[in-house]
């Protein structure tokens, strides 16, 4: 009796194992059948103009052919952009300040430029960039960024300092 139960149990376990091994094969064959029956050809969208389009809009072909390459990109309304990330800009200004205090003006300059990349018209980045350019001897760029700071914050906390720097740069250019 025990041996018959043991044989019955082992046969049922082997049967379960065989079914488990066949199940993935069935699933894979089912997936391959689905792949063969793709409906992508059935759902293609026809983007060709209607048959009577030339009759209804007689001058449209000339208008499209007269467009230059610049106009066509503007008409497509696709524009390149860069990321706007004020938190990254703030961190870049902070790291730039670290370099500026250590008198590593080149590294600070790069960080302030990166801050302006992530946040256009950042007043502090513009001011600090101007100060770096001034320290490095690039007076024209320094003037540009001092003016940018004053344009952004004409009555800002460092407006007097920026104006004094602009005056000093103007005097040095006059000599």
Protein backbone atom coordinates (compact mmCIF):
# COMPACT_ATOMS: atom_id res chain seq x y z
CA UNK A 1 0.00 0.00 0.00
CA UNK A 2 2.81 2.40 0.92
CA UNK A 3 4.66 1.59 -2.27
CA UNK A 4 1.53 2.23 -4.36
CA UNK A 5 1.05 5.64 -2.71
CA UNK A 6 4.71 6.44 -3.23
CA UNK A 7 4.48 5.55 -6.92
CA UNK A 8 1.28 7.57 -7.31
CA UNK A 9 2.88 10.56 -5.59
CA UNK A 10 6.03 10.39 -7.73
CA UNK A 11 3.96 10.10 -10.93
CA UNK A 12 1.91 13.17 -9.97
CA UNK A 13 5.07 15.18 -9.19
CA UNK A 14 6.62 14.21 -12.52
CA UNK A 15 3.40 15.15 -14.31
CA UNK A 16 3.40 18.58 -12.63
CA UNK A 17 7.04 19.10 -13.65
CA UNK A 18 6.29 18.23 -17.26
CA UNK A 19 3.36 20.67 -17.35
CA UNK A 20 5.52 23.42 -15.82
CA UNK A 21 8.17 22.89 -18.49
CA UNK A 22 5.64 23.03 -21.33
CA UNK A 23 3.96 26.25 -20.12
CA UNK A 24 6.82 28.63 -21.09
CA UNK A 25 7.06 27.05 -24.53
CA UNK A 26 3.35 27.65 -25.03
CA UNK A 27 3.68 31.28 -23.91
CA UNK A 28 6.63 31.93 -26.21
CA UNK A 29 4.82 30.42 -29.18
CA UNK A 30 1.77 32.53 -28.32
CA UNK A 31 3.94 35.67 -28.26
CA UNK A 32 5.50 34.85 -31.62
CA UNK A 33 2.01 34.40 -33.11
CA UNK A 34 1.05 37.83 -31.77
CA UNK A 35 4.18 39.35 -33.29
CA UNK A 36 3.32 37.89 -36.69
CA UNK A 37 -0.13 39.41 -36.48
CA UNK A 38 1.08 42.98 -36.04
CA UNK A 39 -1.50 45.58 -36.88
CA UNK A 40 0.94 48.41 -37.60
CA UNK A 41 0.28 48.21 -41.35
CA UNK A 42 -3.43 48.44 -40.73
CA UNK A 43 -3.15 51.58 -38.61
CA UNK A 44 -0.88 53.68 -40.82
CA UNK A 45 -2.10 57.23 -41.27
CA UNK A 46 -2.37 58.60 -44.77
CA UNK A 47 -0.75 62.05 -44.79
CA UNK A 48 -1.00 62.68 -48.51
CA UNK A 49 -3.07 65.71 -49.53
CA UNK A 50 -6.66 65.16 -50.64
CA UNK A 51 -7.29 64.61 -54.38
CA UNK A 52 -8.96 68.00 -54.85
CA UNK A 53 -6.40 69.93 -52.77
CA UNK A 54 -4.71 71.58 -55.76
CA UNK A 55 -8.11 72.71 -57.04
CA UNK A 56 -9.26 74.08 -53.67
CA UNK A 57 -5.91 75.72 -52.84
CA UNK A 58 -4.31 76.62 -56.19
CA UNK A 59 -1.40 78.71 -54.86
CA UNK A 60 -0.38 76.58 -51.89
CA UNK A 61 2.36 74.69 -53.73
CA UNK A 62 4.03 77.95 -54.79
CA UNK A 63 3.85 79.33 -51.26
CA UNK A 64 5.54 76.24 -49.84
CA UNK A 65 8.24 76.16 -52.51
CA UNK A 66 9.02 79.89 -52.00
CA UNK A 67 9.77 79.33 -48.33
CA UNK A 68 13.47 79.45 -47.44
CA UNK A 69 15.13 77.00 -45.08
CA UNK A 70 15.01 79.52 -42.20
CA UNK A 71 11.30 80.15 -42.67
CA UNK A 72 10.50 76.46 -42.83
CA UNK A 73 12.16 75.81 -39.46
CA UNK A 74 10.25 78.72 -37.93
CA UNK A 75 7.02 77.51 -39.47
CA UNK A 76 7.61 74.07 -38.04
CA UNK A 77 7.63 75.68 -34.59
CA UNK A 78 10.55 73.53 -33.49
CA UNK A 79 13.07 75.43 -31.49
CA UNK A 80 16.21 74.36 -29.71
CA UNK A 81 16.27 75.09 -26.03
CA UNK A 82 18.47 74.55 -23.05
CA UNK A 83 17.45 73.30 -19.66
CA UNK A 84 16.13 75.73 -17.07
CA UNK A 85 17.24 74.61 -13.64
CA UNK A 86 17.41 77.39 -11.02
CA UNK A 87 18.59 74.99 -8.32
CA UNK A 88 21.58 73.90 -10.41
CA UNK A 89 22.27 77.58 -11.18
CA UNK A 90 22.20 78.43 -7.48
CA UNK A 91 24.63 75.59 -6.75
CA UNK A 92 26.92 76.77 -9.56
CA UNK A 93 26.96 80.28 -8.07
CA UNK A 94 27.77 78.80 -4.66
CA UNK A 95 30.67 76.76 -6.06
CA UNK A 96 31.81 79.77 -8.09
CA UNK A 97 31.90 81.83 -4.89
CA UNK A 98 34.10 79.15 -3.32
CA UNK A 99 36.56 79.39 -6.20
CA UNK A 100 36.40 83.20 -6.22
CA UNK A 101 37.31 83.38 -2.51
CA UNK A 102 40.30 81.15 -3.22
CA UNK A 103 41.28 83.48 -6.10
CA UNK A 104 40.78 80.75 -8.70
CA UNK A 105 39.06 83.14 -11.09
CA UNK A 106 39.10 80.83 -14.13
CA UNK A 107 37.20 78.08 -12.30
CA UNK A 108 34.80 80.62 -10.80
CA UNK A 109 34.22 82.11 -14.25
CA UNK A 110 33.24 78.72 -15.67
CA UNK A 111 30.81 78.07 -12.82
CA UNK A 112 29.15 81.49 -13.19
CA UNK A 113 28.79 80.93 -16.94
CA UNK A 114 27.23 77.55 -16.26
CA UNK A 115 24.82 79.19 -13.80
CA UNK A 116 23.73 81.60 -16.54
CA UNK A 117 23.25 78.64 -18.85
CA UNK A 118 20.79 77.06 -16.45
CA UNK A 119 19.12 80.33 -15.45
CA UNK A 120 19.25 83.22 -17.88
CA UNK A 121 19.35 86.69 -16.34
CA UNK A 122 20.50 85.54 -12.92
CA UNK A 123 21.57 88.78 -11.26
CA UNK A 124 24.16 87.35 -8.87
CA UNK A 125 25.74 85.13 -11.50
CA UNK A 126 25.98 88.13 -13.84
CA UNK A 127 27.59 90.32 -11.17
CA UNK A 128 30.07 87.68 -10.07
CA UNK A 129 30.89 86.85 -13.68
CA UNK A 130 31.62 90.53 -14.27
CA UNK A 131 33.90 90.60 -11.23
CA UNK A 132 35.78 87.53 -12.49
CA UNK A 133 36.18 89.04 -15.96
CA UNK A 134 37.43 92.24 -14.30
CA UNK A 135 40.00 90.32 -12.23
CA UNK A 136 41.15 88.37 -15.30
CA UNK A 137 41.58 91.58 -17.30
CA UNK A 138 38.78 91.15 -19.84
CA UNK A 139 37.32 94.63 -19.44
CA UNK A 140 34.83 94.43 -22.34
CA UNK A 141 33.19 91.29 -20.97
CA UNK A 142 33.26 92.72 -17.45
CA UNK A 143 31.44 95.82 -18.70
CA UNK A 144 28.86 93.66 -20.48
CA UNK A 145 28.02 91.65 -17.36
CA UNK A 146 28.02 94.69 -15.03
CA UNK A 147 25.51 96.29 -17.40
CA UNK A 148 23.50 93.06 -17.45
CA UNK A 149 23.34 93.06 -13.65
CA UNK A 150 22.17 96.68 -13.61
CA UNK A 151 19.56 95.88 -16.25
CA UNK A 152 18.20 93.01 -14.14
CA UNK A 153 18.39 94.77 -10.74
CA UNK A 154 18.80 98.53 -11.26
CA UNK A 155 18.18 99.18 -7.56
CA UNK A 156 19.67 95.90 -6.33
CA UNK A 157 21.90 95.44 -3.30
CA UNK A 158 25.07 95.63 -5.40
CA UNK A 159 23.88 98.25 -7.91
CA UNK A 160 26.14 100.98 -6.51
CA UNK A 161 29.14 98.64 -6.59
CA UNK A 162 28.35 97.63 -10.18
CA UNK A 163 27.91 101.26 -11.25
CA UNK A 164 31.20 102.21 -9.56
CA UNK A 165 32.94 99.36 -11.39
CA UNK A 166 31.45 100.52 -14.70
CA UNK A 167 32.67 104.07 -14.02
CA UNK A 168 36.13 102.76 -13.12
CA UNK A 169 36.23 100.71 -16.34
CA UNK A 170 35.13 103.73 -18.40
CA UNK A 171 37.92 105.85 -16.86
CA UNK A 172 40.52 103.18 -17.52
CA UNK A 173 39.43 102.93 -21.17
CA UNK A 174 39.53 106.72 -21.55
CA UNK A 175 43.19 106.87 -20.55
